Amino acid sequence: MLFFKRREKLTIADMILMEEELKNSELHSLNPKMGIEKLASELQLKVEYVSDLEEDNEAELLPPDDEEHLGLIRLRKDSEKDKFACIHEIMHFIFDVGYGNKVTKRYARRKKGTPVSTEEQKINYKTAAYIMPQEEIMDALHTYDTTRPRMDEIKFVRDLQSQYGQSETAVIRRIREVRRLTKAGYC
């Protein structure tokens, strides 16, 4: 379509830089499988599930409403099982606000299908990379590639969806990213 601006694809250099930023961040020592409430608590963030977010938003990171937290993450009530939205806001906290700093402005995650800026694309990338670490996906892909007879690819994707609690689209996108990184020699 000529009327719609196509989203810029992240370069390998961008992806490598973000993988390194993630490895060097405070998140590297925190396991994403610990649960979003525990992860947020470790970072002194408060999580609330609400029904009054703006129509286009799934989640938002705001200044705290008390003195004991550094920020407030508000998520749609219907997204309680969607850890991507919460971890997306945690990425804003780590990379935009700064670990240990108090949130002073609002960050929002738009619903799927809403055009995103390059900066939001990068936060989305880091979120997926944190939830589905490159090394783990590489190991799964190695098993998939070397098992004979070859595993059913739909079952393979479904297994990863179950393991990471992510959508089919998110898992397939992460597989493609890891394949691109591996092909470029970043392991």
C-alpha atoms as a PDB file:
ATOM      1  CA  MET A   1       0.000   0.000   0.000  1.00  0.00           C
ATOM      2  CA  LEU A   2       1.404   3.337  -0.987  1.00  0.00           C
ATOM      3  CA  PHE A   3      -0.390   5.377   1.649  1.00  0.00           C
ATOM      4  CA  PHE A   4       0.951   3.619   4.701  1.00  0.00           C
ATOM      5  CA  LYS A   5       4.465   4.139   5.945  1.00  0.00           C
ATOM      6  CA  ARG A   6       6.229   0.825   6.314  1.00  0.00           C
ATOM      7  CA  ARG A   7       7.996   0.223   9.577  1.00  0.00           C
ATOM      8  CA  GLU A   8      11.777   0.307   9.391  1.00  0.00           C
ATOM      9  CA  LYS A   9      13.332  -3.085  10.018  1.00  0.00           C
ATOM     10  CA  LEU A  10      15.908  -3.138  12.789  1.00  0.00           C
ATOM     11  CA  THR A  11      19.431  -3.715  11.511  1.00  0.00           C
ATOM     12  CA  ILE A  12      21.712  -6.474  12.747  1.00  0.00           C
ATOM     13  CA  ALA A  13      23.876  -3.762  14.329  1.00  0.00           C
ATOM     14  CA  ASP A  14      20.813  -2.434  16.206  1.00  0.00           C
ATOM     15  CA  MET A  15      19.916  -5.930  17.365  1.00  0.00           C
ATOM     16  CA  ILE A  16      23.448  -6.716  18.555  1.00  0.00           C
ATOM     17  CA  LEU A  17      23.631  -3.398  20.415  1.00  0.00           C
ATOM     18  CA  MET A  18      20.310  -4.096  22.156  1.00  0.00           C
ATOM     19  CA  GLU A  19      21.330  -7.661  23.067  1.00  0.00           C
ATOM     20  CA  GLU A  20      24.506  -6.237  24.635  1.00  0.00           C
ATOM     21  CA  GLU A  21      22.604  -3.470  26.449  1.00  0.00           C
ATOM     22  CA  LEU A  22      20.278  -6.097  27.884  1.00  0.00           C
ATOM     23  CA  LYS A  23      23.194  -8.324  28.982  1.00  0.00           C
ATOM     24  CA  ASN A  24      24.851  -5.342  30.677  1.00  0.00           C
ATOM     25  CA  SER A  25      21.689  -4.128  32.408  1.00  0.00           C
ATOM     26  CA  GLU A  26      20.421  -4.809  35.910  1.00  0.00           C
ATOM     27  CA  LEU A  27      17.865  -7.161  34.359  1.00  0.00           C
ATOM     28  CA  HIS A  28      20.555  -9.673  33.419  1.00  0.00           C
ATOM     29  CA  SER A  29      20.608 -11.041  36.955  1.00  0.00           C
ATOM     30  CA  LEU A  30      16.796 -11.138  37.279  1.00  0.00           C
ATOM     31  CA  ASN A  31      15.030 -14.158  35.807  1.00  0.00           C
ATOM     32  CA  PRO A  32      12.007 -13.170  33.665  1.00  0.00           C
ATOM     33  CA  LYS A  33      10.340 -16.448  34.689  1.00  0.00           C
ATOM     34  CA  MET A  34      10.037 -15.256  38.309  1.00  0.00           C
ATOM     35  CA  GLY A  35       6.699 -13.612  37.498  1.00  0.00           C
ATOM     36  CA  ILE A  36       5.973 -10.025  36.656  1.00  0.00           C
ATOM     37  CA  GLU A  37       4.807  -8.963  40.106  1.00  0.00           C
ATOM     38  CA  LYS A  38       7.991 -10.304  41.727  1.00  0.00           C
ATOM     39  CA  LEU A  39      10.162  -8.794  38.973  1.00  0.00           C
ATOM     40  CA  ALA A  40       8.454  -5.417  39.374  1.00  0.00           C
ATOM     41  CA  SER A  41       8.810  -5.648  43.148  1.00  0.00           C
ATOM     42  CA  GLU A  42      12.565  -6.349  42.814  1.00  0.00           C
ATOM     43  CA  LEU A  43      12.799  -3.080  40.856  1.00  0.00           C
ATOM     44  CA  GLN A  44      10.603  -1.176  43.367  1.00  0.00           C
ATOM     45  CA  LEU A  45       7.765  -0.852  40.867  1.00  0.00           C
ATOM     46  CA  LYS A  46       4.093  -1.225  41.751  1.00  0.00           C
ATOM     47  CA  VAL A  47       1.759  -3.126  39.370  1.00  0.00           C
ATOM     48  CA  GLU A  48      -1.972  -2.443  39.120  1.00  0.00           C
ATOM     49  CA  TYR A  49      -4.590  -4.001  36.850  1.00  0.00           C
ATOM     50  CA  VAL A  50      -7.167  -1.393  35.848  1.00  0.00           C
ATOM     51  CA  SER A  51     -10.070  -0.860  33.500  1.00  0.00           C
ATOM     52  CA  ASP A  52      -9.597   2.875  32.920  1.00  0.00           C
ATOM     53  CA  LEU A  53      -6.643   3.037  30.505  1.00  0.00           C
ATOM     54  CA  GLU A  54      -6.983   5.117  27.360  1.00  0.00           C
ATOM     55  CA  GLU A  55      -8.636   3.078  24.630  1.00  0.00           C
ATOM     56  CA  ASP A  56      -5.453   2.554  22.556  1.00  0.00           C
ATOM     57  CA  ASN A  57      -3.215   1.591  25.506  1.00  0.00           C
ATOM     58  CA  GLU A  58      -2.411  -1.848  26.910  1.00  0.00           C
ATOM     59  CA  ALA A  59      -0.149  -0.587  29.659  1.00  0.00           C
ATOM     60  CA  GLU A  60       1.572   2.489  31.027  1.00  0.00           C
ATOM     61  CA  LEU A  61       4.427   3.419  33.331  1.00  0.00           C
ATOM     62  CA  LEU A  62       3.746   6.445  35.511  1.00  0.00           C
ATOM     63  CA  PRO A  63       5.293   8.335  38.399  1.00  0.00           C
ATOM     64  CA  PRO A  64       4.538   6.459  41.648  1.00  0.00           C
ATOM     65  CA  ASP A  65       1.463   7.255  43.716  1.00  0.00           C
ATOM     66  CA  ASP A  66       3.334   6.579  46.975  1.00  0.00           C
ATOM     67  CA  GLU A  67       6.793   7.042  48.480  1.00  0.00           C
ATOM     68  CA  GLU A  68       7.843   3.383  48.632  1.00  0.00           C
ATOM     69  CA  HIS A  69       7.906   2.757  44.869  1.00  0.00           C
ATOM     70  CA  LEU A  70       9.938   4.230  42.022  1.00  0.00           C
ATOM     71  CA  GLY A  71       7.132   3.887  39.495  1.00  0.00           C
ATOM     72  CA  LEU A  72       3.645   2.577  38.830  1.00  0.00           C
ATOM     73  CA  ILE A  73       2.806   0.134  36.033  1.00  0.00           C
ATOM     74  CA  ARG A  74      -0.865   0.115  35.101  1.00  0.00           C
ATOM     75  CA  LEU A  75      -2.102  -2.770  32.930  1.00  0.00           C
ATOM     76  CA  ARG A  76      -5.487  -3.516  31.413  1.00  0.00           C
ATOM     77  CA  LYS A  77      -7.445  -5.954  33.568  1.00  0.00           C
ATOM     78  CA  ASP A  78      -7.888  -8.243  30.579  1.00  0.00           C
ATOM     79  CA  SER A  79      -4.108  -8.496  30.118  1.00  0.00           C
ATOM     80  CA  GLU A  80      -3.283 -10.164  33.445  1.00  0.00           C
ATOM     81  CA  LYS A  81      -1.778 -13.150  31.621  1.00  0.00           C
ATOM     82  CA  ASP A  82       0.134 -10.993  29.112  1.00  0.00           C
ATOM     83  CA  LYS A  83       3.558 -10.457  30.643  1.00  0.00           C
ATOM     84  CA  PHE A  84       4.873  -8.762  27.480  1.00  0.00           C
ATOM     85  CA  ALA A  85       3.001  -5.516  28.232  1.00  0.00           C
ATOM     86  CA  CYS A  86       4.317  -5.343  31.802  1.00  0.00           C
ATOM     87  CA  ILE A  87       7.893  -6.201  30.865  1.00  0.00           C
ATOM     88  CA  HIS A  88       7.678  -3.620  28.069  1.00  0.00           C
ATOM     89  CA  GLU A  89       7.056  -0.993  30.766  1.00  0.00           C
ATOM     90  CA  ILE A  90       9.908  -2.424  32.845  1.00  0.00           C
ATOM     91  CA  MET A  91      12.167  -1.906  29.791  1.00  0.00           C
ATOM     92  CA  HIS A  92      11.130   1.760  29.747  1.00  0.00           C
ATOM     93  CA  PHE A  93      12.022   1.937  33.430  1.00  0.00           C
ATOM     94  CA  ILE A  94      15.472   0.373  32.958  1.00  0.00           C
ATOM     95  CA  PHE A  95      16.479   2.024  29.680  1.00  0.00           C
ATOM     96  CA  ASP A  96      14.600   5.350  29.643  1.00  0.00           C
ATOM     97  CA  VAL A  97      14.189   6.256  33.318  1.00  0.00           C
ATOM     98  CA  GLY A  98      17.280   4.453  34.609  1.00  0.00           C
ATOM     99  CA  TYR A  99      17.567   1.727  37.228  1.00  0.00           C
ATOM    100  CA  GLY A 100      17.017   3.135  40.712  1.00  0.00           C
ATOM    101  CA  ASN A 101      15.567   6.430  39.466  1.00  0.00           C
ATOM    102  CA  LYS A 102      12.048   7.612  40.125  1.00  0.00           C
ATOM    103  CA  VAL A 103       9.708   7.737  37.122  1.00  0.00           C
ATOM    104  CA  THR A 104       8.873  11.372  36.322  1.00  0.00           C
ATOM    105  CA  LYS A 105       6.889  11.070  33.090  1.00  0.00           C
ATOM    106  CA  ARG A 106       4.371   8.746  31.476  1.00  0.00           C
ATOM    107  CA  TYR A 107       5.280   5.926  29.064  1.00  0.00           C
ATOM    108  CA  ALA A 108       2.531   3.968  27.311  1.00  0.00           C
ATOM    109  CA  ARG A 109       2.346   0.730  25.350  1.00  0.00           C
ATOM    110  CA  ARG A 110      -0.174   0.895  22.537  1.00  0.00           C
ATOM    111  CA  LYS A 111      -2.386  -2.009  21.579  1.00  0.00           C
ATOM    112  CA  LYS A 112      -1.157  -4.430  18.943  1.00  0.00           C
ATOM    113  CA  GLY A 113      -1.551  -3.153  15.417  1.00  0.00           C
ATOM    114  CA  THR A 114      -0.924   0.476  16.359  1.00  0.00           C
ATOM    115  CA  PRO A 115       2.042   1.971  14.455  1.00  0.00           C
ATOM    116  CA  VAL A 116       5.083   2.352  16.687  1.00  0.00           C
ATOM    117  CA  SER A 117       8.101   4.611  16.596  1.00  0.00           C
ATOM    118  CA  THR A 118      11.624   3.264  16.162  1.00  0.00           C
ATOM    119  CA  GLU A 119      12.196   3.788  19.891  1.00  0.00           C
ATOM    120  CA  GLU A 120       9.112   1.704  20.740  1.00  0.00           C
ATOM    121  CA  GLN A 121      10.302  -0.945  18.285  1.00  0.00           C
ATOM    122  CA  LYS A 122      13.571  -1.103  20.211  1.00  0.00           C
ATOM    123  CA  ILE A 123      11.761  -1.416  23.548  1.00  0.00           C
ATOM    124  CA  ASN A 124       9.638  -4.206  22.015  1.00  0.00           C
ATOM    125  CA  TYR A 125      12.808  -5.928  20.794  1.00  0.00           C
ATOM    126  CA  LYS A 126      14.430  -5.757  24.231  1.00  0.00           C
ATOM    127  CA  THR A 127      11.227  -7.047  25.822  1.00  0.00           C
ATOM    128  CA  ALA A 128      11.129 -10.100  23.551  1.00  0.00           C
ATOM    129  CA  ALA A 129      14.879 -10.650  23.975  1.00  0.00           C
ATOM    130  CA  TYR A 130      14.506 -10.575  27.757  1.00  0.00           C
ATOM    131  CA  ILE A 131      11.525 -12.929  27.847  1.00  0.00           C
ATOM    132  CA  MET A 132      13.012 -15.297  25.233  1.00  0.00           C
ATOM    133  CA  PRO A 133      16.801 -15.116  25.701  1.00  0.00           C
ATOM    134  CA  GLN A 134      18.917 -15.607  22.601  1.00  0.00           C
ATOM    135  CA  GLU A 135      20.903 -18.504  24.074  1.00  0.00           C
ATOM    136  CA  GLU A 136      17.764 -20.447  24.969  1.00  0.00           C
ATOM    137  CA  ILE A 137      16.191 -19.894  21.559  1.00  0.00           C
ATOM    138  CA  MET A 138      19.483 -20.859  19.876  1.00  0.00           C
ATOM    139  CA  ASP A 139      19.542 -24.114  21.861  1.00  0.00           C
ATOM    140  CA  ALA A 140      15.926 -24.858  20.924  1.00  0.00           C
ATOM    141  CA  LEU A 141      16.654 -24.105  17.265  1.00  0.00           C
ATOM    142  CA  HIS A 142      19.739 -26.339  17.324  1.00  0.00           C
ATOM    143  CA  THR A 143      17.623 -29.200  18.659  1.00  0.00           C
ATOM    144  CA  TYR A 144      14.935 -28.486  16.065  1.00  0.00           C
ATOM    145  CA  ASP A 145      17.471 -28.309  13.212  1.00  0.00           C
ATOM    146  CA  THR A 146      19.361 -31.485  14.145  1.00  0.00           C
ATOM    147  CA  THR A 147      16.558 -33.803  15.255  1.00  0.00           C
ATOM    148  CA  ARG A 148      15.679 -36.492  12.711  1.00  0.00           C
ATOM    149  CA  PRO A 149      13.022 -36.975  11.742  1.00  0.00           C
ATOM    150  CA  ARG A 150      12.474 -33.238  11.982  1.00  0.00           C
ATOM    151  CA  MET A 151      10.047 -32.100  14.641  1.00  0.00           C
ATOM    152  CA  ASP A 152       6.747 -30.674  13.417  1.00  0.00           C
ATOM    153  CA  GLU A 153       7.317 -26.911  13.147  1.00  0.00           C
ATOM    154  CA  ILE A 154       3.852 -26.036  14.457  1.00  0.00           C
ATOM    155  CA  LYS A 155       4.469 -28.192  17.534  1.00  0.00           C
ATOM    156  CA  PHE A 156       7.899 -26.572  17.925  1.00  0.00           C
ATOM    157  CA  VAL A 157       6.383 -23.072  17.920  1.00  0.00           C
ATOM    158  CA  ARG A 158       3.548 -24.154  20.248  1.00  0.00           C
ATOM    159  CA  ASP A 159       6.086 -25.616  22.690  1.00  0.00           C
ATOM    160  CA  LEU A 160       7.982 -22.299  22.746  1.00  0.00           C
ATOM    161  CA  GLN A 161       4.712 -20.400  23.175  1.00  0.00           C
ATOM    162  CA  SER A 162       3.905 -22.538  26.191  1.00  0.00           C
ATOM    163  CA  GLN A 163       7.418 -22.302  27.629  1.00  0.00           C
ATOM    164  CA  TYR A 164       7.582 -18.498  27.390  1.00  0.00           C
ATOM    165  CA  GLY A 165       3.900 -17.589  27.657  1.00  0.00           C
ATOM    166  CA  GLN A 166       4.010 -15.647  24.401  1.00  0.00           C
ATOM    167  CA  SER A 167       1.896 -15.389  21.270  1.00  0.00           C
ATOM    168  CA  GLU A 168       2.672 -17.277  18.089  1.00  0.00           C
ATOM    169  CA  THR A 169       3.604 -13.987  16.407  1.00  0.00           C
ATOM    170  CA  ALA A 170       6.062 -13.059  19.182  1.00  0.00           C
ATOM    171  CA  VAL A 171       7.711 -16.499  19.124  1.00  0.00           C
ATOM    172  CA  ILE A 172       8.078 -16.566  15.338  1.00  0.00           C
ATOM    173  CA  ARG A 173       9.476 -13.012  15.334  1.00  0.00           C
ATOM    174  CA  ARG A 174      12.016 -13.989  18.011  1.00  0.00           C
ATOM    175  CA  ILE A 175      13.025 -17.124  16.080  1.00  0.00           C
ATOM    176  CA  ARG A 176      13.664 -14.938  13.005  1.00  0.00           C
ATOM    177  CA  GLU A 177      15.678 -12.449  15.060  1.00  0.00           C
ATOM    178  CA  VAL A 178      17.850 -15.179  16.581  1.00  0.00           C
ATOM    179  CA  ARG A 179      18.381 -16.764  13.154  1.00  0.00           C
ATOM    180  CA  ARG A 180      19.491 -13.358  11.788  1.00  0.00           C
ATOM    181  CA  LEU A 181      21.872 -12.853  14.720  1.00  0.00           C
ATOM    182  CA  THR A 182      23.313 -16.351  14.344  1.00  0.00           C
ATOM    183  CA  LYS A 183      23.765 -15.920  10.588  1.00  0.00           C
ATOM    184  CA  ALA A 184      25.625 -12.664  11.283  1.00  0.00           C
ATOM    185  CA  GLY A 185      27.956 -14.526  13.661  1.00  0.00           C
ATOM    186  CA  TYR A 186      26.608 -13.048  16.888  1.00  0.00           C
ATOM    187  CA  CYS A 187      26.431 -15.939  19.337  1.00  0.00           C
END
